[in-house]
Amino acid sequence: MANGTDTRTRGAEAGTARLSEHCELAKRPEYADLHRDCRRLEDHHMPAEPRIVLTPRCGCSCHGGAR
C-alpha cells in the first residue's frame, strides 16, 4: 500500500471485531433494542475482487457475529 496505509482495516487493528452502527449504539441502555435492527450478518465483498471486504459483518455477539 502507498505510504504503508492499509485502508481495508479503516484504522482498526486487524482481527478486531467491529460493530455495526446499530450494535455500537445499542451498548447504551436506552437503545438496547437496536440490536435486532442490525442487518450486517455477513461480509459484503467487492464483486470484481472477492478478497476486498466493502462492508464487514458485525462483530457483536448479540447475533453470533463475533469472529
Protein backbone atom coordinates (compact mmCIF):
# COMPACT_ATOMS: atom_id res chain seq x y z
CA MET A 1 0.00 0.00 0.00
CA ALA A 2 1.12 3.55 -0.63
CA ASN A 3 2.82 5.05 2.43
CA GLY A 4 2.16 1.86 4.37
CA THR A 5 -1.54 2.63 4.79
CA ASP A 6 -3.94 -0.29 4.62
CA THR A 7 -7.37 1.27 4.11
CA ARG A 8 -9.13 -2.08 4.38
CA THR A 9 -8.81 -2.04 8.16
CA ARG A 10 -10.24 1.50 8.41
CA GLY A 11 -7.91 2.36 11.25
CA ALA A 12 -8.86 -0.66 13.35
CA GLU A 13 -6.45 -3.39 14.28
CA ALA A 14 -6.63 -6.48 12.10
CA GLY A 15 -8.70 -9.17 13.75
CA THR A 16 -10.62 -6.73 15.96
CA ALA A 17 -14.36 -7.29 15.87
CA ARG A 18 -16.05 -4.16 14.56
CA LEU A 19 -19.63 -3.45 15.49
CA SER A 20 -22.31 -2.12 13.20
CA GLU A 21 -23.69 1.32 13.89
CA HIS A 22 -26.81 -0.28 15.39
CA CYS A 23 -24.92 -2.51 17.80
CA GLU A 24 -22.48 0.24 18.77
CA LEU A 25 -25.37 2.50 19.77
CA ALA A 26 -27.20 -0.42 21.42
CA LYS A 27 -24.45 -0.54 24.08
CA ARG A 28 -26.34 2.32 25.71
CA PRO A 29 -29.20 1.09 27.92
CA GLU A 30 -31.78 3.41 26.35
CA TYR A 31 -31.02 1.98 22.86
CA ALA A 32 -30.64 -1.72 23.76
CA ASP A 33 -33.44 -2.73 21.40
CA LEU A 34 -31.39 -1.63 18.35
CA HIS A 35 -29.51 -4.96 18.33
CA ARG A 36 -32.45 -6.53 16.50
CA ASP A 37 -32.16 -3.92 13.71
CA CYS A 38 -28.60 -4.94 12.82
CA ARG A 39 -28.50 -6.43 9.31
CA ARG A 40 -24.74 -6.81 8.90
CA LEU A 41 -24.77 -10.57 9.33
CA GLU A 42 -22.23 -11.37 6.62
CA ASP A 43 -19.29 -9.76 4.84
CA HIS A 44 -20.03 -7.98 1.56
CA HIS A 45 -17.17 -8.21 -0.92
CA MET A 46 -16.25 -6.14 -3.95
CA PRO A 47 -17.73 -8.02 -6.95
CA ALA A 48 -14.58 -7.88 -9.09
CA GLU A 49 -12.21 -8.58 -6.17
CA PRO A 50 -13.58 -11.04 -3.59
CA ARG A 51 -10.58 -10.55 -1.28
CA ILE A 52 -11.64 -6.95 -0.58
CA VAL A 53 -14.40 -6.59 2.00
CA LEU A 54 -16.50 -3.48 1.41
CA THR A 55 -18.78 -3.91 4.41
CA PRO A 56 -17.64 -6.33 7.12
CA ARG A 57 -20.11 -8.34 9.16
CA CYS A 58 -20.89 -7.01 12.60
CA GLY A 59 -18.67 -8.42 15.34
CA CYS A 60 -21.32 -8.19 18.05
CA SER A 61 -22.04 -11.37 19.95
CA CYS A 62 -25.77 -10.50 20.14
CA HIS A 63 -26.31 -12.29 16.82
CA GLY A 64 -23.28 -14.56 16.64
CA GLY A 65 -21.21 -12.06 14.65
CA ALA A 66 -18.08 -12.34 16.79
CA ARG A 67 -15.17 -13.79 14.81
